N, C-alpha and C. Protein backbone atom coordinates (compact mmCIF):
# COMPACT_ATOMS: atom_id res chain seq x y z
N MET A 1 51.36 -0.52 -6.44
CA MET A 1 50.10 -0.38 -7.20
C MET A 1 48.90 -0.58 -6.26
N LYS A 2 47.82 0.08 -6.62
CA LYS A 2 46.61 -0.05 -5.81
C LYS A 2 45.98 -1.42 -6.00
N ASN A 3 45.50 -1.98 -4.92
CA ASN A 3 44.77 -3.22 -5.02
C ASN A 3 43.28 -2.93 -5.21
N GLU A 4 42.49 -3.99 -5.28
CA GLU A 4 41.06 -3.84 -5.56
C GLU A 4 40.34 -3.07 -4.46
N LYS A 5 40.72 -3.27 -3.21
CA LYS A 5 40.07 -2.57 -2.10
C LYS A 5 40.29 -1.06 -2.18
N ASP A 6 41.52 -0.67 -2.61
CA ASP A 6 41.82 0.76 -2.75
C ASP A 6 40.95 1.40 -3.82
N TYR A 7 40.78 0.70 -4.94
CA TYR A 7 39.94 1.23 -6.02
C TYR A 7 38.48 1.39 -5.56
N ILE A 8 38.01 0.38 -4.83
CA ILE A 8 36.62 0.44 -4.33
C ILE A 8 36.46 1.62 -3.37
N LYS A 9 37.47 1.85 -2.51
CA LYS A 9 37.44 2.97 -1.58
C LYS A 9 37.42 4.29 -2.32
N ASP A 10 38.25 4.40 -3.38
CA ASP A 10 38.29 5.63 -4.16
C ASP A 10 36.95 5.90 -4.83
N ILE A 11 36.36 4.86 -5.39
CA ILE A 11 35.07 5.00 -6.06
C ILE A 11 33.99 5.44 -5.07
N THR A 12 34.03 4.84 -3.86
CA THR A 12 33.06 5.20 -2.82
C THR A 12 33.20 6.66 -2.42
N GLU A 13 34.44 7.13 -2.28
CA GLU A 13 34.69 8.52 -1.91
C GLU A 13 34.22 9.48 -3.00
N ILE A 14 34.49 9.12 -4.26
CA ILE A 14 34.05 9.96 -5.38
C ILE A 14 32.53 10.03 -5.44
N ARG A 15 31.90 8.88 -5.23
CA ARG A 15 30.43 8.84 -5.24
C ARG A 15 29.87 9.70 -4.11
N SER A 16 30.49 9.65 -2.93
CA SER A 16 30.04 10.44 -1.79
C SER A 16 30.19 11.93 -2.07
N MET A 17 31.28 12.33 -2.70
CA MET A 17 31.50 13.73 -3.06
C MET A 17 30.46 14.21 -4.06
N MET A 18 30.16 13.38 -5.04
CA MET A 18 29.16 13.75 -6.06
C MET A 18 27.77 13.88 -5.44
N GLU A 19 27.48 12.99 -4.50
CA GLU A 19 26.18 13.03 -3.84
C GLU A 19 26.04 14.30 -3.00
N ARG A 20 27.11 14.67 -2.30
CA ARG A 20 27.07 15.88 -1.48
C ARG A 20 26.88 17.13 -2.32
N SER A 21 27.42 17.12 -3.53
CA SER A 21 27.32 18.28 -4.40
C SER A 21 25.98 18.38 -5.11
N SER A 22 25.24 17.26 -5.19
CA SER A 22 23.99 17.27 -5.94
C SER A 22 22.75 17.05 -5.07
N LYS A 23 22.94 16.70 -3.79
CA LYS A 23 21.83 16.42 -2.89
C LYS A 23 21.94 17.29 -1.64
N PHE A 24 20.78 17.75 -1.16
CA PHE A 24 20.72 18.48 0.10
C PHE A 24 20.66 17.45 1.23
N LEU A 25 21.75 17.35 1.99
CA LEU A 25 21.87 16.29 2.98
C LEU A 25 21.85 16.81 4.42
N PHE A 26 21.32 18.01 4.61
CA PHE A 26 21.35 18.62 5.94
C PHE A 26 20.00 18.57 6.65
N LEU A 27 19.07 17.78 6.14
CA LEU A 27 17.78 17.67 6.80
C LEU A 27 17.95 17.00 8.17
N SER A 28 17.24 17.52 9.15
CA SER A 28 17.36 17.01 10.52
C SER A 28 16.10 16.23 10.91
N GLY A 29 16.31 15.05 11.43
CA GLY A 29 15.18 14.26 11.92
C GLY A 29 14.48 14.94 13.09
N LEU A 30 15.27 15.63 13.91
CA LEU A 30 14.70 16.34 15.05
C LEU A 30 13.75 17.44 14.59
N ALA A 31 14.06 18.07 13.47
CA ALA A 31 13.18 19.11 12.92
C ALA A 31 11.82 18.53 12.55
N GLY A 32 11.82 17.31 12.00
CA GLY A 32 10.57 16.64 11.66
C GLY A 32 9.74 16.33 12.90
N ILE A 33 10.41 15.90 13.97
CA ILE A 33 9.70 15.60 15.22
C ILE A 33 9.07 16.87 15.79
N ILE A 34 9.84 17.96 15.81
CA ILE A 34 9.33 19.22 16.35
C ILE A 34 8.17 19.74 15.50
N ALA A 35 8.31 19.64 14.17
CA ALA A 35 7.23 20.08 13.28
C ALA A 35 5.96 19.29 13.54
N GLY A 36 6.10 17.98 13.78
CA GLY A 36 4.94 17.14 14.08
C GLY A 36 4.25 17.53 15.38
N ILE A 37 5.05 17.82 16.40
CA ILE A 37 4.49 18.23 17.69
C ILE A 37 3.78 19.57 17.56
N LEU A 38 4.37 20.49 16.81
CA LEU A 38 3.75 21.80 16.59
C LEU A 38 2.42 21.65 15.84
N ALA A 39 2.40 20.76 14.84
CA ALA A 39 1.18 20.55 14.06
C ALA A 39 0.07 19.96 14.92
N LEU A 40 0.40 18.98 15.76
CA LEU A 40 -0.60 18.39 16.65
C LEU A 40 -1.12 19.43 17.64
N SER A 41 -0.23 20.27 18.14
CA SER A 41 -0.65 21.33 19.06
C SER A 41 -1.58 22.31 18.36
N GLY A 42 -1.23 22.67 17.11
CA GLY A 42 -2.05 23.59 16.35
C GLY A 42 -3.44 23.03 16.06
N ALA A 43 -3.49 21.74 15.69
CA ALA A 43 -4.78 21.10 15.41
C ALA A 43 -5.64 21.04 16.67
N PHE A 44 -5.02 20.78 17.80
CA PHE A 44 -5.76 20.72 19.07
C PHE A 44 -6.34 22.09 19.42
N ILE A 45 -5.53 23.14 19.24
CA ILE A 45 -6.01 24.50 19.54
C ILE A 45 -7.13 24.89 18.59
N ALA A 46 -6.98 24.55 17.29
CA ALA A 46 -8.01 24.89 16.31
C ALA A 46 -9.33 24.24 16.66
N TYR A 47 -9.27 23.01 17.15
CA TYR A 47 -10.49 22.26 17.45
C TYR A 47 -11.11 22.69 18.79
N LYS A 48 -10.26 22.77 19.81
CA LYS A 48 -10.77 23.02 21.16
C LYS A 48 -11.01 24.50 21.45
N VAL A 49 -10.08 25.35 21.02
CA VAL A 49 -10.17 26.78 21.35
C VAL A 49 -11.02 27.54 20.33
N PHE A 50 -10.77 27.28 19.03
CA PHE A 50 -11.47 28.03 17.98
C PHE A 50 -12.68 27.28 17.42
N ASN A 51 -12.91 26.07 17.94
CA ASN A 51 -14.08 25.28 17.52
C ASN A 51 -14.15 25.12 16.00
N PHE A 52 -12.99 24.85 15.40
CA PHE A 52 -12.90 24.74 13.94
C PHE A 52 -12.81 23.27 13.54
N ASN A 53 -13.85 22.77 12.88
CA ASN A 53 -13.85 21.39 12.40
C ASN A 53 -14.91 21.24 11.29
N PRO A 54 -14.59 21.70 10.07
CA PRO A 54 -15.56 21.64 8.97
C PRO A 54 -16.05 20.22 8.73
N ASP A 55 -17.36 20.05 8.55
CA ASP A 55 -17.92 18.72 8.36
C ASP A 55 -18.49 18.51 6.96
N ARG A 56 -18.32 19.49 6.08
CA ARG A 56 -18.72 19.33 4.68
C ARG A 56 -17.90 20.27 3.82
N ILE A 57 -17.98 20.09 2.51
CA ILE A 57 -17.12 20.85 1.60
C ILE A 57 -17.53 22.31 1.53
N SER A 58 -18.81 22.57 1.28
CA SER A 58 -19.26 23.92 1.00
C SER A 58 -20.18 24.45 2.10
N TYR A 59 -20.10 25.76 2.34
CA TYR A 59 -20.95 26.43 3.31
C TYR A 59 -21.66 27.61 2.64
N SER A 60 -22.91 27.83 3.04
CA SER A 60 -23.67 28.96 2.50
C SER A 60 -23.08 30.27 3.01
N SER A 61 -23.49 31.37 2.40
CA SER A 61 -22.96 32.68 2.79
C SER A 61 -23.25 32.99 4.25
N MET A 62 -24.42 32.59 4.74
CA MET A 62 -24.77 32.85 6.15
C MET A 62 -23.90 32.01 7.08
N GLU A 63 -23.75 30.72 6.75
CA GLU A 63 -22.93 29.84 7.57
C GLU A 63 -21.46 30.27 7.52
N TYR A 64 -21.03 30.70 6.36
CA TYR A 64 -19.64 31.13 6.19
C TYR A 64 -19.34 32.34 7.07
N GLY A 65 -20.34 33.22 7.20
CA GLY A 65 -20.17 34.38 8.06
C GLY A 65 -19.89 33.98 9.50
N ASP A 66 -20.58 32.94 9.96
CA ASP A 66 -20.36 32.45 11.32
C ASP A 66 -18.98 31.81 11.48
N LEU A 67 -18.49 31.21 10.40
CA LEU A 67 -17.20 30.52 10.44
C LEU A 67 -16.01 31.46 10.25
N PHE A 68 -16.27 32.65 9.69
CA PHE A 68 -15.19 33.51 9.23
C PHE A 68 -14.21 33.87 10.36
N ALA A 69 -14.74 34.30 11.50
CA ALA A 69 -13.87 34.70 12.61
C ALA A 69 -13.01 33.53 13.09
N SER A 70 -13.63 32.37 13.18
CA SER A 70 -12.90 31.16 13.59
C SER A 70 -11.84 30.82 12.56
N LEU A 71 -12.20 30.93 11.27
CA LEU A 71 -11.27 30.60 10.19
C LEU A 71 -10.06 31.53 10.20
N MET A 72 -10.28 32.83 10.40
CA MET A 72 -9.17 33.79 10.44
C MET A 72 -8.22 33.47 11.59
N SER A 73 -8.77 33.08 12.73
CA SER A 73 -7.93 32.72 13.88
C SER A 73 -7.10 31.48 13.56
N VAL A 74 -7.72 30.52 12.87
CA VAL A 74 -7.02 29.28 12.50
C VAL A 74 -5.91 29.57 11.49
N ILE A 75 -6.18 30.47 10.55
CA ILE A 75 -5.16 30.83 9.55
C ILE A 75 -3.95 31.47 10.22
N LEU A 76 -4.20 32.38 11.16
CA LEU A 76 -3.09 33.01 11.90
C LEU A 76 -2.33 31.97 12.72
N LEU A 77 -3.07 31.03 13.30
CA LEU A 77 -2.44 29.94 14.06
C LEU A 77 -1.56 29.09 13.14
N ALA A 78 -2.08 28.78 11.95
CA ALA A 78 -1.33 27.96 10.99
C ALA A 78 -0.05 28.67 10.55
N ILE A 79 -0.14 29.99 10.34
CA ILE A 79 1.04 30.77 9.95
C ILE A 79 2.09 30.72 11.05
N ALA A 80 1.64 30.85 12.31
CA ALA A 80 2.56 30.81 13.45
C ALA A 80 3.25 29.44 13.53
N VAL A 81 2.47 28.38 13.36
CA VAL A 81 3.03 27.02 13.38
C VAL A 81 4.04 26.84 12.26
N LEU A 82 3.71 27.35 11.06
CA LEU A 82 4.61 27.24 9.91
C LEU A 82 5.92 27.97 10.16
N ILE A 83 5.83 29.19 10.69
CA ILE A 83 7.05 29.97 10.96
C ILE A 83 7.94 29.26 11.98
N LEU A 84 7.34 28.73 13.03
CA LEU A 84 8.11 28.02 14.06
C LEU A 84 8.76 26.76 13.49
N ALA A 85 7.99 26.01 12.68
CA ALA A 85 8.52 24.77 12.10
C ALA A 85 9.66 25.07 11.12
N LEU A 86 9.47 26.09 10.26
CA LEU A 86 10.51 26.45 9.30
C LEU A 86 11.75 26.99 10.00
N GLY A 87 11.52 27.82 11.02
CA GLY A 87 12.65 28.37 11.76
C GLY A 87 13.48 27.28 12.42
N THR A 88 12.79 26.31 13.00
CA THR A 88 13.48 25.18 13.63
C THR A 88 14.26 24.37 12.61
N ALA A 89 13.64 24.11 11.45
CA ALA A 89 14.30 23.34 10.40
C ALA A 89 15.55 24.04 9.89
N ILE A 90 15.47 25.37 9.71
CA ILE A 90 16.62 26.13 9.22
C ILE A 90 17.76 26.10 10.23
N ILE A 91 17.43 26.32 11.50
CA ILE A 91 18.46 26.34 12.54
C ILE A 91 19.15 24.98 12.65
N LEU A 92 18.37 23.90 12.67
CA LEU A 92 18.96 22.56 12.81
C LEU A 92 19.74 22.16 11.56
N SER A 93 19.26 22.57 10.39
CA SER A 93 20.00 22.28 9.14
C SER A 93 21.33 23.03 9.13
N TYR A 94 21.29 24.28 9.61
CA TYR A 94 22.53 25.07 9.68
C TYR A 94 23.54 24.42 10.64
N ARG A 95 23.06 23.96 11.79
CA ARG A 95 23.94 23.29 12.74
C ARG A 95 24.57 22.04 12.13
N LYS A 96 23.76 21.30 11.38
CA LYS A 96 24.26 20.07 10.76
C LYS A 96 25.32 20.38 9.70
N SER A 97 25.08 21.41 8.90
CA SER A 97 26.04 21.79 7.86
C SER A 97 27.32 22.34 8.49
N TYR A 98 27.18 23.07 9.60
CA TYR A 98 28.33 23.66 10.29
C TYR A 98 29.24 22.57 10.84
N ARG A 99 28.61 21.54 11.41
CA ARG A 99 29.41 20.43 11.94
C ARG A 99 30.21 19.73 10.85
N ARG A 100 29.65 19.68 9.65
CA ARG A 100 30.32 19.02 8.54
C ARG A 100 31.30 19.95 7.82
N GLY A 101 31.33 21.20 8.24
CA GLY A 101 32.23 22.15 7.60
C GLY A 101 31.81 22.52 6.19
N GLU A 102 30.51 22.50 5.93
CA GLU A 102 29.99 22.83 4.60
C GLU A 102 29.00 23.99 4.70
N LYS A 103 28.81 24.68 3.57
CA LYS A 103 27.88 25.81 3.52
C LYS A 103 26.46 25.30 3.32
N LEU A 104 25.53 25.91 4.07
CA LEU A 104 24.12 25.54 3.93
C LEU A 104 23.53 26.11 2.66
N TRP A 105 23.89 27.37 2.35
CA TRP A 105 23.32 28.05 1.18
C TRP A 105 24.23 27.82 -0.02
N ASN A 106 23.79 26.98 -0.93
CA ASN A 106 24.56 26.68 -2.14
C ASN A 106 23.59 26.40 -3.29
N LEU A 107 24.12 25.98 -4.42
CA LEU A 107 23.30 25.75 -5.60
C LEU A 107 22.26 24.67 -5.36
N THR A 108 22.61 23.61 -4.62
CA THR A 108 21.67 22.54 -4.33
C THR A 108 20.51 23.03 -3.48
N THR A 109 20.81 23.89 -2.50
CA THR A 109 19.76 24.47 -1.65
C THR A 109 18.80 25.30 -2.50
N LYS A 110 19.33 26.07 -3.44
CA LYS A 110 18.49 26.89 -4.32
C LYS A 110 17.58 26.02 -5.17
N ARG A 111 18.11 24.92 -5.68
CA ARG A 111 17.30 23.99 -6.49
C ARG A 111 16.21 23.35 -5.64
N LEU A 112 16.56 22.99 -4.42
CA LEU A 112 15.58 22.39 -3.50
C LEU A 112 14.43 23.36 -3.24
N LEU A 113 14.77 24.60 -2.93
CA LEU A 113 13.74 25.61 -2.64
C LEU A 113 12.87 25.89 -3.86
N ALA A 114 13.48 25.90 -5.05
CA ALA A 114 12.71 26.13 -6.27
C ALA A 114 11.71 25.00 -6.50
N SER A 115 12.12 23.77 -6.21
CA SER A 115 11.23 22.62 -6.37
C SER A 115 10.07 22.68 -5.38
N LEU A 116 10.37 23.16 -4.17
CA LEU A 116 9.32 23.30 -3.17
C LEU A 116 8.36 24.45 -3.49
N ALA A 117 8.90 25.52 -4.04
CA ALA A 117 8.15 26.76 -4.18
C ALA A 117 6.95 26.64 -5.11
N VAL A 118 7.12 26.00 -6.26
CA VAL A 118 6.04 25.98 -7.26
C VAL A 118 4.77 25.31 -6.73
N PRO A 119 4.85 24.08 -6.19
CA PRO A 119 3.62 23.47 -5.65
C PRO A 119 3.07 24.22 -4.44
N LEU A 120 3.95 24.74 -3.57
CA LEU A 120 3.47 25.42 -2.36
C LEU A 120 2.78 26.74 -2.69
N ILE A 121 3.35 27.52 -3.59
CA ILE A 121 2.73 28.79 -3.98
C ILE A 121 1.42 28.54 -4.71
N THR A 122 1.42 27.55 -5.61
CA THR A 122 0.19 27.20 -6.33
C THR A 122 -0.90 26.77 -5.36
N GLY A 123 -0.53 25.91 -4.40
CA GLY A 123 -1.49 25.46 -3.41
C GLY A 123 -2.00 26.59 -2.54
N GLY A 124 -1.10 27.50 -2.15
CA GLY A 124 -1.50 28.63 -1.33
C GLY A 124 -2.50 29.53 -2.03
N LEU A 125 -2.27 29.80 -3.31
CA LEU A 125 -3.20 30.62 -4.08
C LEU A 125 -4.55 29.93 -4.25
N LEU A 126 -4.50 28.61 -4.47
CA LEU A 126 -5.75 27.85 -4.62
C LEU A 126 -6.55 27.86 -3.32
N LEU A 127 -5.85 27.77 -2.19
CA LEU A 127 -6.54 27.82 -0.90
C LEU A 127 -7.28 29.14 -0.70
N LEU A 128 -6.67 30.23 -1.16
CA LEU A 128 -7.34 31.53 -1.08
C LEU A 128 -8.63 31.54 -1.90
N VAL A 129 -8.59 30.90 -3.06
CA VAL A 129 -9.77 30.80 -3.92
C VAL A 129 -10.85 29.97 -3.22
N LEU A 130 -10.46 28.85 -2.63
CA LEU A 130 -11.41 27.99 -1.93
C LEU A 130 -12.07 28.72 -0.77
N ILE A 131 -11.26 29.41 0.02
CA ILE A 131 -11.78 30.13 1.18
C ILE A 131 -12.74 31.23 0.75
N SER A 132 -12.38 31.97 -0.31
CA SER A 132 -13.23 33.07 -0.76
C SER A 132 -14.57 32.58 -1.31
N ASN A 133 -14.63 31.31 -1.71
CA ASN A 133 -15.87 30.74 -2.23
C ASN A 133 -16.60 29.85 -1.23
N GLY A 134 -16.15 29.87 0.01
CA GLY A 134 -16.83 29.12 1.05
C GLY A 134 -16.59 27.63 1.03
N LEU A 135 -15.58 27.18 0.30
CA LEU A 135 -15.28 25.75 0.21
C LEU A 135 -14.30 25.35 1.31
N ILE A 136 -14.72 25.56 2.53
CA ILE A 136 -13.84 25.41 3.69
C ILE A 136 -13.43 23.96 3.91
N GLY A 137 -14.32 23.04 3.57
CA GLY A 137 -14.04 21.63 3.80
C GLY A 137 -12.89 21.08 2.99
N LEU A 138 -12.46 21.82 1.95
CA LEU A 138 -11.36 21.35 1.10
C LEU A 138 -10.01 21.93 1.51
N VAL A 139 -10.02 22.82 2.50
CA VAL A 139 -8.77 23.47 2.90
C VAL A 139 -7.77 22.45 3.44
N ALA A 140 -8.17 21.63 4.40
CA ALA A 140 -7.26 20.64 4.99
C ALA A 140 -6.77 19.62 3.96
N PRO A 141 -7.68 19.02 3.14
CA PRO A 141 -7.21 18.06 2.14
C PRO A 141 -6.22 18.65 1.14
N PHE A 142 -6.52 19.85 0.64
CA PHE A 142 -5.65 20.45 -0.37
C PHE A 142 -4.31 20.88 0.22
N THR A 143 -4.31 21.24 1.51
CA THR A 143 -3.05 21.55 2.17
C THR A 143 -2.14 20.32 2.18
N LEU A 144 -2.70 19.18 2.50
CA LEU A 144 -1.93 17.93 2.49
C LEU A 144 -1.46 17.56 1.09
N ILE A 145 -2.34 17.70 0.11
CA ILE A 145 -2.01 17.29 -1.26
C ILE A 145 -0.87 18.14 -1.83
N PHE A 146 -0.98 19.46 -1.72
CA PHE A 146 0.05 20.32 -2.31
C PHE A 146 1.35 20.27 -1.53
N TYR A 147 1.27 20.05 -0.23
CA TYR A 147 2.48 19.85 0.55
C TYR A 147 3.17 18.56 0.11
N GLY A 148 2.38 17.51 -0.10
CA GLY A 148 2.93 16.25 -0.58
C GLY A 148 3.57 16.38 -1.95
N LEU A 149 2.92 17.13 -2.84
CA LEU A 149 3.49 17.36 -4.18
C LEU A 149 4.81 18.12 -4.09
N ALA A 150 4.88 19.09 -3.17
CA ALA A 150 6.11 19.85 -2.98
C ALA A 150 7.24 18.94 -2.50
N LEU A 151 6.94 18.06 -1.54
CA LEU A 151 7.95 17.13 -1.03
C LEU A 151 8.41 16.16 -2.12
N PHE A 152 7.46 15.67 -2.89
CA PHE A 152 7.81 14.72 -3.95
C PHE A 152 8.72 15.38 -4.98
N SER A 153 8.40 16.63 -5.32
CA SER A 153 9.23 17.37 -6.27
C SER A 153 10.62 17.64 -5.69
N ALA A 154 10.68 18.03 -4.42
CA ALA A 154 11.95 18.34 -3.78
C ALA A 154 12.80 17.09 -3.56
N GLY A 155 12.16 15.92 -3.58
CA GLY A 155 12.88 14.67 -3.36
C GLY A 155 13.97 14.41 -4.37
N ASN A 156 13.90 15.09 -5.53
CA ASN A 156 14.96 14.94 -6.53
C ASN A 156 16.28 15.56 -6.07
N HIS A 157 16.21 16.45 -5.09
CA HIS A 157 17.39 17.19 -4.66
C HIS A 157 17.80 16.90 -3.22
N THR A 158 17.19 15.89 -2.62
CA THR A 158 17.54 15.55 -1.24
C THR A 158 17.37 14.05 -1.03
N LEU A 159 17.19 13.62 0.21
CA LEU A 159 17.12 12.20 0.53
C LEU A 159 15.87 11.54 -0.03
N ALA A 160 15.98 10.27 -0.39
CA ALA A 160 14.87 9.54 -1.02
C ALA A 160 13.65 9.45 -0.10
N GLU A 161 13.89 9.45 1.20
CA GLU A 161 12.77 9.34 2.15
C GLU A 161 11.78 10.51 2.04
N VAL A 162 12.26 11.65 1.56
CA VAL A 162 11.40 12.82 1.42
C VAL A 162 10.31 12.55 0.37
N ARG A 163 10.66 11.87 -0.69
CA ARG A 163 9.67 11.54 -1.72
C ARG A 163 8.61 10.58 -1.17
N ILE A 164 9.05 9.65 -0.34
CA ILE A 164 8.10 8.71 0.28
C ILE A 164 7.15 9.47 1.20
N LEU A 165 7.71 10.41 1.98
CA LEU A 165 6.88 11.26 2.84
C LEU A 165 5.86 12.02 2.01
N GLY A 166 6.29 12.53 0.85
CA GLY A 166 5.39 13.26 -0.03
C GLY A 166 4.24 12.40 -0.51
N ILE A 167 4.54 11.17 -0.89
CA ILE A 167 3.50 10.25 -1.37
C ILE A 167 2.48 9.97 -0.26
N VAL A 168 2.97 9.77 0.96
CA VAL A 168 2.08 9.53 2.11
C VAL A 168 1.15 10.73 2.32
N GLU A 169 1.71 11.94 2.26
CA GLU A 169 0.91 13.15 2.46
C GLU A 169 -0.15 13.31 1.36
N ILE A 170 0.22 13.03 0.13
CA ILE A 170 -0.73 13.09 -0.98
C ILE A 170 -1.86 12.10 -0.77
N GLY A 171 -1.50 10.88 -0.37
CA GLY A 171 -2.51 9.85 -0.12
C GLY A 171 -3.49 10.25 0.98
N LEU A 172 -2.96 10.81 2.06
CA LEU A 172 -3.83 11.26 3.15
C LEU A 172 -4.72 12.42 2.69
N GLY A 173 -4.18 13.29 1.85
CA GLY A 173 -4.97 14.40 1.33
C GLY A 173 -6.13 13.92 0.48
N LEU A 174 -5.89 12.91 -0.34
CA LEU A 174 -6.96 12.35 -1.18
C LEU A 174 -8.03 11.67 -0.32
N ILE A 175 -7.59 10.95 0.70
CA ILE A 175 -8.55 10.32 1.62
C ILE A 175 -9.38 11.39 2.32
N SER A 176 -8.69 12.45 2.75
CA SER A 176 -9.38 13.54 3.44
C SER A 176 -10.38 14.25 2.53
N SER A 177 -10.10 14.28 1.23
CA SER A 177 -11.03 14.91 0.28
C SER A 177 -12.35 14.16 0.21
N TYR A 178 -12.30 12.86 0.46
CA TYR A 178 -13.52 12.04 0.43
C TYR A 178 -14.22 12.07 1.79
N PHE A 179 -13.44 11.91 2.85
CA PHE A 179 -14.00 11.93 4.21
C PHE A 179 -13.80 13.33 4.80
N VAL A 180 -14.52 14.29 4.26
CA VAL A 180 -14.32 15.70 4.63
C VAL A 180 -14.58 15.94 6.11
N GLU A 181 -15.53 15.21 6.68
CA GLU A 181 -15.87 15.42 8.09
C GLU A 181 -14.72 15.05 9.02
N TYR A 182 -13.75 14.29 8.52
CA TYR A 182 -12.58 13.93 9.31
C TYR A 182 -11.34 14.70 8.84
N GLY A 183 -11.57 15.81 8.13
CA GLY A 183 -10.47 16.56 7.53
C GLY A 183 -9.43 17.04 8.53
N LEU A 184 -9.87 17.62 9.65
CA LEU A 184 -8.93 18.13 10.63
C LEU A 184 -8.16 16.99 11.30
N LEU A 185 -8.84 15.88 11.55
CA LEU A 185 -8.18 14.72 12.16
C LEU A 185 -7.11 14.15 11.23
N ILE A 186 -7.44 14.03 9.94
CA ILE A 186 -6.48 13.49 8.97
C ILE A 186 -5.33 14.48 8.77
N TRP A 187 -5.66 15.77 8.81
CA TRP A 187 -4.61 16.79 8.72
C TRP A 187 -3.62 16.63 9.87
N ALA A 188 -4.15 16.42 11.08
CA ALA A 188 -3.30 16.21 12.25
C ALA A 188 -2.46 14.94 12.11
N LEU A 189 -3.06 13.92 11.51
CA LEU A 189 -2.33 12.68 11.26
C LEU A 189 -1.18 12.91 10.29
N GLY A 190 -1.47 13.64 9.19
CA GLY A 190 -0.46 13.86 8.16
C GLY A 190 0.66 14.78 8.60
N PHE A 191 0.30 15.94 9.14
CA PHE A 191 1.32 16.91 9.53
C PHE A 191 1.89 16.64 10.92
N GLY A 192 1.14 15.93 11.74
CA GLY A 192 1.59 15.65 13.09
C GLY A 192 2.25 14.30 13.26
N VAL A 193 1.43 13.26 13.27
CA VAL A 193 1.92 11.90 13.55
C VAL A 193 2.93 11.43 12.51
N VAL A 194 2.62 11.63 11.23
CA VAL A 194 3.52 11.17 10.16
C VAL A 194 4.87 11.88 10.25
N HIS A 195 4.86 13.17 10.54
CA HIS A 195 6.12 13.90 10.68
C HIS A 195 6.94 13.39 11.85
N ILE A 196 6.28 13.07 12.95
CA ILE A 196 7.00 12.56 14.12
C ILE A 196 7.64 11.21 13.80
N VAL A 197 6.88 10.31 13.17
CA VAL A 197 7.42 9.00 12.79
C VAL A 197 8.58 9.16 11.81
N TYR A 198 8.38 10.03 10.81
CA TYR A 198 9.44 10.31 9.82
C TYR A 198 10.68 10.87 10.52
N GLY A 199 10.47 11.83 11.43
CA GLY A 199 11.59 12.45 12.12
C GLY A 199 12.38 11.47 12.96
N ILE A 200 11.68 10.59 13.66
CA ILE A 200 12.36 9.57 14.47
C ILE A 200 13.20 8.65 13.58
N TYR A 201 12.61 8.23 12.47
CA TYR A 201 13.34 7.36 11.53
C TYR A 201 14.59 8.06 11.00
N MET A 202 14.43 9.32 10.56
CA MET A 202 15.55 10.06 9.99
C MET A 202 16.63 10.32 11.04
N HIS A 203 16.22 10.57 12.27
CA HIS A 203 17.18 10.83 13.33
C HIS A 203 18.07 9.61 13.57
N TYR A 204 17.46 8.45 13.68
CA TYR A 204 18.22 7.24 13.97
C TYR A 204 19.02 6.75 12.75
N LYS A 205 18.59 7.11 11.56
CA LYS A 205 19.32 6.66 10.36
C LYS A 205 20.44 7.60 9.97
N TYR A 206 20.23 8.92 10.11
CA TYR A 206 21.19 9.87 9.56
C TYR A 206 21.86 10.80 10.60
N ASP A 207 21.20 11.03 11.73
CA ASP A 207 21.73 12.04 12.66
C ASP A 207 22.61 11.49 13.76
N ARG A 208 22.53 10.22 14.03
CA ARG A 208 23.31 9.66 15.14
C ARG A 208 24.74 9.37 14.72
């Protein structure tokens, strides 16, 4: 007959199987570190090369005209950073799932992406509205806020630390909404430094 230790082991194994089937566990800490480095590099280029650093929420039509070329360059830069960060995350997640002998694309992955999609798409559309109305100073804060909301929502389908990361990003976005003149700096803190710290923590806790 099984003793108490055997029953505890069986329960632990069953719990682990249930968690794997309901949670996305292939997030890589290294992907967070790389995303943070890319974000810091992007913020530096936006500030130094494109001279982009909004110091107030709204700009007049004349001022907006002067900012437009710089803003378009920054948007293209942001898209490039996003593609590189997402590509890195997908590759590293695939490697992690491959090592475990599990499929990356499954029902849990679909649920995770659906949770991410609604806040991100909503935020993206809102950013277009802000930009078209010259509310450039709110772009960085709202990017942080909606990204944080997406992470918090996705936290139901992955590791608990993701929800904590989401709360931090939302908090930084709200702070940035008040201190608009420091918007780019706080954006770099949220997408850069916080991601690097998060990635290091996740790497040492889950990837080693």
